[in-house]
Full PDB file with SEQRES, HELIX, SHEET, SSBOND, CRYST1, ORIGX, SCALE, CONECT and MASTER records, all heavy atoms in Angstrom:
SEQRES   1 A   34  LEU ARG ARG GLY ARG GLU TYR ALA SER THR SER PHE ARG          
SEQRES   2 A   34  TYR PHE GLU SER TYR THR VAL ILE ALA LEU ILE TYR LEU          
SEQRES   3 A   34  VAL MET THR LEU PHE PHE SER ARG                              
HELIX    1 AA1 ARG A    2  SER A   11  1                                  10    
HELIX    2 AA2 TYR A   14  SER A   33  1                                  20    
CRYST1    1.000    1.000    1.000  90.00  90.00  90.00 P 1           1          
ORIGX1      1.000000  0.000000  0.000000        0.00000                         
ORIGX2      0.000000  1.000000  0.000000        0.00000                         
ORIGX3      0.000000  0.000000  1.000000        0.00000                         
SCALE1      1.000000  0.000000  0.000000        0.00000                         
SCALE2      0.000000  1.000000  0.000000        0.00000                         
SCALE3      0.000000  0.000000  1.000000        0.00000                         
ATOM      1  N   LEU A   1      18.301 196.046 129.458  1.00  0.00           N  
ATOM      2  CA  LEU A   1      19.580 195.530 128.944  1.00  0.00           C  
ATOM      3  C   LEU A   1      19.872 194.114 129.452  1.00  0.00           C  
ATOM      4  O   LEU A   1      20.313 193.243 128.791  1.00  0.00           O  
ATOM      5  CB  LEU A   1      20.692 196.478 129.026  1.00  0.00           C  
ATOM      6  CG  LEU A   1      22.055 195.976 128.634  1.00  0.00           C  
ATOM      7  CD1 LEU A   1      22.054 195.795 127.108  1.00  0.00           C  
ATOM      8  CD2 LEU A   1      23.121 197.085 128.899  1.00  0.00           C  
ATOM      9  N   ARG A   2      19.782 193.942 130.776  1.00  0.00           N  
ATOM     10  CA  ARG A   2      19.954 192.683 131.413  1.00  0.00           C  
ATOM     11  C   ARG A   2      19.073 191.617 130.860  1.00  0.00           C  
ATOM     12  O   ARG A   2      19.561 190.423 130.560  1.00  0.00           O  
ATOM     13  CB  ARG A   2      19.688 192.805 132.865  1.00  0.00           C  
ATOM     14  CG  ARG A   2      19.924 191.627 133.719  1.00  0.00           C  
ATOM     15  CD  ARG A   2      21.416 191.307 134.051  1.00  0.00           C  
ATOM     16  NE  ARG A   2      21.761 190.136 134.760  1.00  0.00           N  
ATOM     17  CZ  ARG A   2      22.891 189.845 135.365  1.00  0.00           C  
ATOM     18  NH1 ARG A   2      23.859 190.616 135.001  1.00  0.00           N  
ATOM     19  NH2 ARG A   2      23.049 188.697 136.077  1.00  0.00           N  
ATOM     20  N   ARG A   3      17.829 191.937 130.656  1.00  0.00           N  
ATOM     21  CA  ARG A   3      16.916 190.849 130.234  1.00  0.00           C  
ATOM     22  C   ARG A   3      17.368 190.528 128.704  1.00  0.00           C  
ATOM     23  O   ARG A   3      17.323 189.349 128.343  1.00  0.00           O  
ATOM     24  CB  ARG A   3      15.470 191.391 130.161  1.00  0.00           C  
ATOM     25  CG  ARG A   3      14.877 191.645 131.541  1.00  0.00           C  
ATOM     26  CD  ARG A   3      14.806 190.356 132.274  1.00  0.00           C  
ATOM     27  NE  ARG A   3      13.590 189.602 131.731  1.00  0.00           N  
ATOM     28  CZ  ARG A   3      13.458 188.282 132.006  1.00  0.00           C  
ATOM     29  NH1 ARG A   3      14.133 187.636 132.816  1.00  0.00           N  
ATOM     30  NH2 ARG A   3      12.241 187.660 131.539  1.00  0.00           N  
ATOM     31  N   GLY A   4      17.766 191.427 127.950  1.00  0.00           N  
ATOM     32  CA  GLY A   4      18.358 191.133 126.613  1.00  0.00           C  
ATOM     33  C   GLY A   4      19.560 190.253 126.672  1.00  0.00           C  
ATOM     34  O   GLY A   4      19.741 189.376 125.849  1.00  0.00           O  
ATOM     35  N   ARG A   5      20.467 190.506 127.659  1.00  0.00           N  
ATOM     36  CA  ARG A   5      21.611 189.745 127.832  1.00  0.00           C  
ATOM     37  C   ARG A   5      21.280 188.269 128.253  1.00  0.00           C  
ATOM     38  O   ARG A   5      21.920 187.328 127.784  1.00  0.00           O  
ATOM     39  CB  ARG A   5      22.520 190.345 128.817  1.00  0.00           C  
ATOM     40  CG  ARG A   5      23.228 191.691 128.313  1.00  0.00           C  
ATOM     41  CD  ARG A   5      23.962 192.343 129.469  1.00  0.00           C  
ATOM     42  NE  ARG A   5      24.885 191.431 130.121  1.00  0.00           N  
ATOM     43  CZ  ARG A   5      25.523 191.827 131.284  1.00  0.00           C  
ATOM     44  NH1 ARG A   5      25.273 193.013 131.810  1.00  0.00           N  
ATOM     45  NH2 ARG A   5      26.454 190.981 131.733  1.00  0.00           N  
ATOM     46  N   GLU A   6      20.270 188.236 129.104  1.00  0.00           N  
ATOM     47  CA  GLU A   6      19.809 186.917 129.563  1.00  0.00           C  
ATOM     48  C   GLU A   6      19.384 186.093 128.349  1.00  0.00           C  
ATOM     49  O   GLU A   6      19.612 184.879 128.303  1.00  0.00           O  
ATOM     50  CB  GLU A   6      18.826 186.914 130.640  1.00  0.00           C  
ATOM     51  CG  GLU A   6      19.392 187.590 131.964  1.00  0.00           C  
ATOM     52  CD  GLU A   6      18.232 187.733 132.854  1.00  0.00           C  
ATOM     53  OE1 GLU A   6      17.001 187.656 132.593  1.00  0.00           O  
ATOM     54  OE2 GLU A   6      18.554 188.287 134.133  1.00  0.00           O  
ATOM     55  N   TYR A   7      18.564 186.691 127.543  1.00  0.00           N  
ATOM     56  CA  TYR A   7      17.933 185.902 126.294  1.00  0.00           C  
ATOM     57  C   TYR A   7      19.098 185.531 125.363  1.00  0.00           C  
ATOM     58  O   TYR A   7      19.175 184.426 124.889  1.00  0.00           O  
ATOM     59  CB  TYR A   7      16.925 186.888 125.748  1.00  0.00           C  
ATOM     60  CG  TYR A   7      16.263 186.025 124.555  1.00  0.00           C  
ATOM     61  CD1 TYR A   7      15.111 185.253 124.798  1.00  0.00           C  
ATOM     62  CD2 TYR A   7      16.719 186.063 123.209  1.00  0.00           C  
ATOM     63  CE1 TYR A   7      14.427 184.577 123.737  1.00  0.00           C  
ATOM     64  CE2 TYR A   7      16.146 185.369 122.207  1.00  0.00           C  
ATOM     65  CZ  TYR A   7      15.017 184.578 122.488  1.00  0.00           C  
ATOM     66  OH  TYR A   7      14.341 183.882 121.464  1.00  0.00           O  
ATOM     67  N   ALA A   8      20.041 186.504 125.120  1.00  0.00           N  
ATOM     68  CA  ALA A   8      21.060 186.194 124.199  1.00  0.00           C  
ATOM     69  C   ALA A   8      22.058 185.123 124.752  1.00  0.00           C  
ATOM     70  O   ALA A   8      22.539 184.296 123.945  1.00  0.00           O  
ATOM     71  CB  ALA A   8      21.863 187.475 124.130  1.00  0.00           C  
ATOM     72  N   SER A   9      22.182 185.033 125.983  1.00  0.00           N  
ATOM     73  CA  SER A   9      23.196 184.008 126.626  1.00  0.00           C  
ATOM     74  C   SER A   9      22.534 182.600 126.625  1.00  0.00           C  
ATOM     75  O   SER A   9      23.321 181.704 126.598  1.00  0.00           O  
ATOM     76  CB  SER A   9      23.497 184.414 128.115  1.00  0.00           C  
ATOM     77  OG  SER A   9      22.325 184.416 129.005  1.00  0.00           O  
ATOM     78  N   THR A  10      21.266 182.576 126.644  1.00  0.00           N  
ATOM     79  CA  THR A  10      20.644 181.282 126.624  1.00  0.00           C  
ATOM     80  C   THR A  10      20.334 180.793 125.058  1.00  0.00           C  
ATOM     81  O   THR A  10      20.352 179.596 124.861  1.00  0.00           O  
ATOM     82  CB  THR A  10      19.260 181.233 127.463  1.00  0.00           C  
ATOM     83  OG1 THR A  10      18.400 182.370 126.739  1.00  0.00           O  
ATOM     84  CG2 THR A  10      19.500 181.585 128.839  1.00  0.00           C  
ATOM     85  N   SER A  11      20.052 181.666 124.258  1.00  0.00           N  
ATOM     86  CA  SER A  11      19.752 181.380 122.896  1.00  0.00           C  
ATOM     87  C   SER A  11      20.841 181.543 121.974  1.00  0.00           C  
ATOM     88  O   SER A  11      20.797 181.123 120.716  1.00  0.00           O  
ATOM     89  CB  SER A  11      18.488 182.247 122.453  1.00  0.00           C  
ATOM     90  OG  SER A  11      18.948 183.633 122.373  1.00  0.00           O  
ATOM     91  N   PHE A  12      21.908 182.300 122.379  1.00  0.00           N  
ATOM     92  CA  PHE A  12      23.063 182.638 121.579  1.00  0.00           C  
ATOM     93  C   PHE A  12      22.707 183.542 120.353  1.00  0.00           C  
ATOM     94  O   PHE A  12      23.262 183.534 119.249  1.00  0.00           O  
ATOM     95  CB  PHE A  12      23.754 181.342 120.931  1.00  0.00           C  
ATOM     96  CG  PHE A  12      24.303 180.536 122.091  1.00  0.00           C  
ATOM     97  CD1 PHE A  12      23.637 179.418 122.491  1.00  0.00           C  
ATOM     98  CD2 PHE A  12      25.460 180.885 122.715  1.00  0.00           C  
ATOM     99  CE1 PHE A  12      24.083 178.709 123.573  1.00  0.00           C  
ATOM    100  CE2 PHE A  12      25.880 180.187 123.795  1.00  0.00           C  
ATOM    101  CZ  PHE A  12      25.292 178.935 124.142  1.00  0.00           C  
ATOM    102  N   ARG A  13      21.533 184.252 120.469  1.00  0.00           N  
ATOM    103  CA  ARG A  13      21.078 185.100 119.374  1.00  0.00           C  
ATOM    104  C   ARG A  13      21.474 186.572 119.838  1.00  0.00           C  
ATOM    105  O   ARG A  13      20.617 187.392 120.140  1.00  0.00           O  
ATOM    106  CB  ARG A  13      19.463 185.039 119.286  1.00  0.00           C  
ATOM    107  CG  ARG A  13      18.987 183.708 119.032  1.00  0.00           C  
ATOM    108  CD  ARG A  13      18.917 183.543 117.450  1.00  0.00           C  
ATOM    109  NE  ARG A  13      18.099 182.446 117.054  1.00  0.00           N  
ATOM    110  CZ  ARG A  13      17.702 182.261 115.804  1.00  0.00           C  
ATOM    111  NH1 ARG A  13      18.009 183.053 114.829  1.00  0.00           N  
ATOM    112  NH2 ARG A  13      16.963 181.172 115.532  1.00  0.00           N  
ATOM    113  N   TYR A  14      22.755 186.800 119.748  1.00  0.00           N  
ATOM    114  CA  TYR A  14      23.270 188.056 120.296  1.00  0.00           C  
ATOM    115  C   TYR A  14      22.985 189.166 119.379  1.00  0.00           C  
ATOM    116  O   TYR A  14      22.490 190.324 119.869  1.00  0.00           O  
ATOM    117  CB  TYR A  14      24.846 187.899 120.454  1.00  0.00           C  
ATOM    118  CG  TYR A  14      25.281 187.035 121.586  1.00  0.00           C  
ATOM    119  CD1 TYR A  14      25.664 185.727 121.289  1.00  0.00           C  
ATOM    120  CD2 TYR A  14      25.236 187.494 122.890  1.00  0.00           C  
ATOM    121  CE1 TYR A  14      25.980 184.964 122.296  1.00  0.00           C  
ATOM    122  CE2 TYR A  14      25.654 186.659 123.843  1.00  0.00           C  
ATOM    123  CZ  TYR A  14      25.968 185.471 123.599  1.00  0.00           C  
ATOM    124  OH  TYR A  14      26.406 184.583 124.718  1.00  0.00           O  
ATOM    125  N   PHE A  15      23.177 189.010 118.107  1.00  0.00           N  
ATOM    126  CA  PHE A  15      22.712 190.020 117.089  1.00  0.00           C  
ATOM    127  C   PHE A  15      21.247 190.523 117.238  1.00  0.00           C  
ATOM    128  O   PHE A  15      20.970 191.646 117.316  1.00  0.00           O  
ATOM    129  CB  PHE A  15      23.026 189.591 115.648  1.00  0.00           C  
ATOM    130  CG  PHE A  15      22.690 190.586 114.735  1.00  0.00           C  
ATOM    131  CD1 PHE A  15      23.413 191.632 114.351  1.00  0.00           C  
ATOM    132  CD2 PHE A  15      21.556 190.481 113.990  1.00  0.00           C  
ATOM    133  CE1 PHE A  15      23.151 192.681 113.417  1.00  0.00           C  
ATOM    134  CE2 PHE A  15      21.081 191.469 112.955  1.00  0.00           C  
ATOM    135  CZ  PHE A  15      21.927 192.499 112.760  1.00  0.00           C  
ATOM    136  N   GLU A  16      20.315 189.458 117.205  1.00  0.00           N  
ATOM    137  CA  GLU A  16      18.986 189.775 117.216  1.00  0.00           C  
ATOM    138  C   GLU A  16      18.631 190.354 118.596  1.00  0.00           C  
ATOM    139  O   GLU A  16      17.702 191.400 118.541  1.00  0.00           O  
ATOM    140  CB  GLU A  16      18.190 188.420 117.032  1.00  0.00           C  
ATOM    141  CG  GLU A  16      18.372 187.818 115.685  1.00  0.00           C  
ATOM    142  CD  GLU A  16      19.547 186.984 115.555  1.00  0.00           C  
ATOM    143  OE1 GLU A  16      20.370 187.036 116.511  1.00  0.00           O  
ATOM    144  OE2 GLU A  16      19.714 186.225 114.560  1.00  0.00           O  
ATOM    145  N   SER A  17      19.143 189.925 119.741  1.00  0.00           N  
ATOM    146  CA  SER A  17      18.647 190.449 121.044  1.00  0.00           C  
ATOM    147  C   SER A  17      19.168 191.874 121.184  1.00  0.00           C  
ATOM    148  O   SER A  17      18.333 192.732 121.511  1.00  0.00           O  
ATOM    149  CB  SER A  17      19.323 189.541 122.131  1.00  0.00           C  
ATOM    150  OG  SER A  17      18.993 188.224 121.936  1.00  0.00           O  
ATOM    151  N   TYR A  18      20.402 192.211 120.856  1.00  0.00           N  
ATOM    152  CA  TYR A  18      20.792 193.633 121.112  1.00  0.00           C  
ATOM    153  C   TYR A  18      20.249 194.529 120.030  1.00  0.00           C  
ATOM    154  O   TYR A  18      20.229 195.736 120.238  1.00  0.00           O  
ATOM    155  CB  TYR A  18      22.352 193.692 121.029  1.00  0.00           C  
ATOM    156  CG  TYR A  18      23.009 192.972 122.197  1.00  0.00           C  
ATOM    157  CD1 TYR A  18      23.920 191.948 122.217  1.00  0.00           C  
ATOM    158  CD2 TYR A  18      22.612 193.478 123.513  1.00  0.00           C  
ATOM    159  CE1 TYR A  18      24.408 191.246 123.290  1.00  0.00           C  
ATOM    160  CE2 TYR A  18      23.126 192.847 124.607  1.00  0.00           C  
ATOM    161  CZ  TYR A  18      24.015 191.789 124.546  1.00  0.00           C  
ATOM    162  OH  TYR A  18      24.604 191.221 125.642  1.00  0.00           O  
ATOM    163  N   THR A  19      19.861 193.984 118.856  1.00  0.00           N  
ATOM    164  CA  THR A  19      19.230 194.874 117.987  1.00  0.00           C  
ATOM    165  C   THR A  19      17.917 195.316 118.463  1.00  0.00           C  
ATOM    166  O   THR A  19      17.467 196.501 118.393  1.00  0.00           O  
ATOM    167  CB  THR A  19      18.922 194.024 116.557  1.00  0.00           C  
ATOM    168  OG1 THR A  19      20.241 193.805 116.044  1.00  0.00           O  
ATOM    169  CG2 THR A  19      18.243 195.010 115.536  1.00  0.00           C  
ATOM    170  N   VAL A  20      17.140 194.448 119.062  1.00  0.00           N  
ATOM    171  CA  VAL A  20      15.788 194.716 119.636  1.00  0.00           C  
ATOM    172  C   VAL A  20      15.977 195.791 120.745  1.00  0.00           C  
ATOM    173  O   VAL A  20      15.223 196.760 120.926  1.00  0.00           O  
ATOM    174  CB  VAL A  20      15.076 193.501 120.140  1.00  0.00           C  
ATOM    175  CG1 VAL A  20      13.814 193.857 120.906  1.00  0.00           C  
ATOM    176  CG2 VAL A  20      14.725 192.634 118.916  1.00  0.00           C  
ATOM    177  N   ILE A  21      16.988 195.389 121.583  1.00  0.00           N  
ATOM    178  CA  ILE A  21      17.190 196.368 122.670  1.00  0.00           C  
ATOM    179  C   ILE A  21      17.661 197.761 122.231  1.00  0.00           C  
ATOM    180  O   ILE A  21      17.078 198.693 122.756  1.00  0.00           O  
ATOM    181  CB  ILE A  21      18.310 195.784 123.557  1.00  0.00           C  
ATOM    182  CG1 ILE A  21      17.985 194.389 124.193  1.00  0.00           C  
ATOM    183  CG2 ILE A  21      18.702 196.755 124.731  1.00  0.00           C  
ATOM    184  CD1 ILE A  21      16.717 194.440 125.054  1.00  0.00           C  
ATOM    185  N   ALA A  22      18.531 197.859 121.306  1.00  0.00           N  
ATOM    186  CA  ALA A  22      18.852 199.099 120.797  1.00  0.00           C  
ATOM    187  C   ALA A  22      17.705 199.930 120.263  1.00  0.00           C  
ATOM    188  O   ALA A  22      17.646 201.143 120.533  1.00  0.00           O  
ATOM    189  CB  ALA A  22      19.977 198.967 119.771  1.00  0.00           C  
ATOM    190  N   LEU A  23      16.852 199.211 119.496  1.00  0.00           N  
ATOM    191  CA  LEU A  23      15.775 199.912 118.824  1.00  0.00           C  
ATOM    192  C   LEU A  23      14.675 200.366 119.892  1.00  0.00           C  
ATOM    193  O   LEU A  23      14.146 201.513 119.854  1.00  0.00           O  
ATOM    194  CB  LEU A  23      14.972 198.945 117.873  1.00  0.00           C  
ATOM    195  CG  LEU A  23      15.701 198.651 116.568  1.00  0.00           C  
ATOM    196  CD1 LEU A  23      15.015 197.604 115.804  1.00  0.00           C  
ATOM    197  CD2 LEU A  23      15.835 199.904 115.753  1.00  0.00           C  
ATOM    198  N   ILE A  24      14.528 199.599 121.008  1.00  0.00           N  
ATOM    199  CA  ILE A  24      13.633 200.007 122.006  1.00  0.00           C  
ATOM    200  C   ILE A  24      14.123 201.178 122.728  1.00  0.00           C  
ATOM    201  O   ILE A  24      13.384 202.149 123.082  1.00  0.00           O  
ATOM    202  CB  ILE A  24      13.307 198.866 123.136  1.00  0.00           C  
ATOM    203  CG1 ILE A  24      12.593 197.642 122.328  1.00  0.00           C  
ATOM    204  CG2 ILE A  24      12.681 199.384 124.280  1.00  0.00           C  
ATOM    205  CD1 ILE A  24      12.544 196.452 123.335  1.00  0.00           C  
ATOM    206  N   TYR A  25      15.408 201.219 123.080  1.00  0.00           N  
ATOM    207  CA  TYR A  25      16.114 202.410 123.651  1.00  0.00           C  
ATOM    208  C   TYR A  25      16.037 203.596 122.741  1.00  0.00           C  
ATOM    209  O   TYR A  25      15.698 204.752 123.157  1.00  0.00           O  
ATOM    210  CB  TYR A  25      17.560 202.077 124.020  1.00  0.00           C  
ATOM    211  CG  TYR A  25      17.883 201.601 125.322  1.00  0.00           C  
ATOM    212  CD1 TYR A  25      18.195 200.321 125.617  1.00  0.00           C  
ATOM    213  CD2 TYR A  25      17.525 202.326 126.495  1.00  0.00           C  
ATOM    214  CE1 TYR A  25      18.549 199.750 126.694  1.00  0.00           C  
ATOM    215  CE2 TYR A  25      17.812 201.727 127.833  1.00  0.00           C  
ATOM    216  CZ  TYR A  25      18.339 200.512 127.851  1.00  0.00           C  
ATOM    217  OH  TYR A  25      18.537 199.975 129.190  1.00  0.00           O  
ATOM    218  N   LEU A  26      16.214 203.494 121.485  1.00  0.00           N  
ATOM    219  CA  LEU A  26      16.081 204.617 120.495  1.00  0.00           C  
ATOM    220  C   LEU A  26      14.611 205.162 120.470  1.00  0.00           C  
ATOM    221  O   LEU A  26      14.437 206.341 120.495  1.00  0.00           O  
ATOM    222  CB  LEU A  26      16.373 204.045 119.191  1.00  0.00           C  
ATOM    223  CG  LEU A  26      16.399 205.197 117.975  1.00  0.00           C  
ATOM    224  CD1 LEU A  26      17.319 206.411 118.279  1.00  0.00           C  
ATOM    225  CD2 LEU A  26      16.809 204.515 116.707  1.00  0.00           C  
ATOM    226  N   VAL A  27      13.670 204.253 120.386  1.00  0.00           N  
ATOM    227  CA  VAL A  27      12.190 204.750 120.475  1.00  0.00           C  
ATOM    228  C   VAL A  27      11.915 205.498 121.760  1.00  0.00           C  
ATOM    229  O   VAL A  27      11.222 206.500 121.707  1.00  0.00           O  
ATOM    230  CB  VAL A  27      11.291 203.538 120.176  1.00  0.00           C  
ATOM    231  CG1 VAL A  27       9.883 204.001 120.499  1.00  0.00           C  
ATOM    232  CG2 VAL A  27      11.451 202.930 118.893  1.00  0.00           C  
ATOM    233  N   MET A  28      12.339 204.943 122.923  1.00  0.00           N  
ATOM    234  CA  MET A  28      12.088 205.630 124.207  1.00  0.00           C  
ATOM    235  C   MET A  28      12.705 207.004 124.262  1.00  0.00           C  
ATOM    236  O   MET A  28      12.111 208.049 124.579  1.00  0.00           O  
ATOM    237  CB  MET A  28      12.485 204.715 125.342  1.00  0.00           C  
ATOM    238  CG  MET A  28      11.724 203.447 125.493  1.00  0.00           C  
ATOM    239  SD  MET A  28      12.072 202.755 127.100  1.00  0.00           S  
ATOM    240  CE  MET A  28      13.836 202.455 126.998  1.00  0.00           C  
ATOM    241  N   THR A  29      13.914 207.106 123.837  1.00  0.00           N  
ATOM    242  CA  THR A  29      14.642 208.399 124.048  1.00  0.00           C  
ATOM    243  C   THR A  29      14.122 209.388 123.007  1.00  0.00           C  
ATOM    244  O   THR A  29      14.009 210.637 123.366  1.00  0.00           O  
ATOM    245  CB  THR A  29      16.122 208.222 123.879  1.00  0.00           C  
ATOM    246  OG1 THR A  29      16.393 207.517 122.577  1.00  0.00           O  
ATOM    247  CG2 THR A  29      16.745 207.428 124.948  1.00  0.00           C  
ATOM    248  N   LEU A  30      13.828 208.960 121.869  1.00  0.00           N  
ATOM    249  CA  LEU A  30      13.225 209.963 120.818  1.00  0.00           C  
ATOM    250  C   LEU A  30      11.862 210.289 121.222  1.00  0.00           C  
ATOM    251  O   LEU A  30      11.371 211.510 121.078  1.00  0.00           O  
ATOM    252  CB  LEU A  30      13.254 209.275 119.466  1.00  0.00           C  
ATOM    253  CG  LEU A  30      14.511 209.210 118.856  1.00  0.00           C  
ATOM    254  CD1 LEU A  30      14.520 208.389 117.463  1.00  0.00           C  
ATOM    255  CD2 LEU A  30      15.229 210.432 118.614  1.00  0.00           C  
ATOM    256  N   PHE A  31      11.108 209.476 121.806  1.00  0.00           N  
ATOM    257  CA  PHE A  31       9.688 209.711 122.238  1.00  0.00           C  
ATOM    258  C   PHE A  31       9.790 210.823 123.398  1.00  0.00           C  
ATOM    259  O   PHE A  31       9.117 211.839 123.257  1.00  0.00           O  
ATOM    260  CB  PHE A  31       8.951 208.567 122.852  1.00  0.00           C  
ATOM    261  CG  PHE A  31       7.698 208.885 123.467  1.00  0.00           C  
ATOM    262  CD1 PHE A  31       6.479 209.123 122.754  1.00  0.00           C  
ATOM    263  CD2 PHE A  31       7.549 208.863 124.740  1.00  0.00           C  
ATOM    264  CE1 PHE A  31       5.447 209.431 123.234  1.00  0.00           C  
ATOM    265  CE2 PHE A  31       6.206 209.117 125.555  1.00  0.00           C  
ATOM    266  CZ  PHE A  31       5.200 209.328 124.664  1.00  0.00           C  
ATOM    267  N   PHE A  32      10.618 210.659 124.337  1.00  0.00           N  
ATOM    268  CA  PHE A  32      10.675 211.687 125.372  1.00  0.00           C  
ATOM    269  C   PHE A  32      11.345 212.986 124.933  1.00  0.00           C  
ATOM    270  O   PHE A  32      11.146 213.966 125.566  1.00  0.00           O  
ATOM    271  CB  PHE A  32      11.539 211.047 126.633  1.00  0.00           C  
ATOM    272  CG  PHE A  32      10.732 210.135 127.420  1.00  0.00           C  
ATOM    273  CD1 PHE A  32      11.030 208.790 127.456  1.00  0.00           C  
ATOM    274  CD2 PHE A  32       9.607 210.392 128.180  1.00  0.00           C  
ATOM    275  CE1 PHE A  32      10.132 207.826 128.092  1.00  0.00           C  
ATOM    276  CE2 PHE A  32       8.857 209.594 128.951  1.00  0.00           C  
ATOM    277  CZ  PHE A  32       9.188 208.266 128.879  1.00  0.00           C  
ATOM    278  N   SER A  33      12.217 212.840 123.921  1.00  0.00           N  
ATOM    279  CA  SER A  33      12.845 214.027 123.444  1.00  0.00           C  
ATOM    280  C   SER A  33      11.661 214.907 122.811  1.00  0.00           C  
ATOM    281  O   SER A  33      11.750 216.146 122.815  1.00  0.00           O  
ATOM    282  CB  SER A  33      13.956 213.779 122.329  1.00  0.00           C  
ATOM    283  OG  SER A  33      13.363 213.197 121.163  1.00  0.00           O  
ATOM    284  N   ARG A  34      10.779 214.364 122.123  1.00  0.00           N  
ATOM    285  CA  ARG A  34       9.578 215.007 121.529  1.00  0.00           C  
ATOM    286  C   ARG A  34       8.806 215.693 122.571  1.00  0.00           C  
ATOM    287  O   ARG A  34       8.408 216.889 122.509  1.00  0.00           O  
ATOM    288  CB  ARG A  34       8.749 214.031 120.773  1.00  0.00           C  
ATOM    289  CG  ARG A  34       7.476 214.710 120.285  1.00  0.00           C  
ATOM    290  CD  ARG A  34       7.737 215.771 119.294  1.00  0.00           C  
ATOM    291  NE  ARG A  34       8.015 215.321 118.018  1.00  0.00           N  
ATOM    292  CZ  ARG A  34       8.155 216.039 116.974  1.00  0.00           C  
ATOM    293  NH1 ARG A  34       8.043 217.442 117.068  1.00  0.00           N  
ATOM    294  NH2 ARG A  34       8.460 215.581 115.779  1.00  0.00           N  
TER     295      ARG A  34                                                      
MASTER        0    0    0    2    0    0    0    6  294    1    0    3          
END                                                                             
C-alpha cells in the first residue's frame, strides 16, 4: 500500500494506483482462501 501511495503522490494517478493495489490484495486473499 505504501508503494502505491508513493507512486500516486508523485504521478497524481490516484485512481489507477489504488485500483491496482486493490486488485493485487484481492487476488492474494482469494488465492490463500482457496
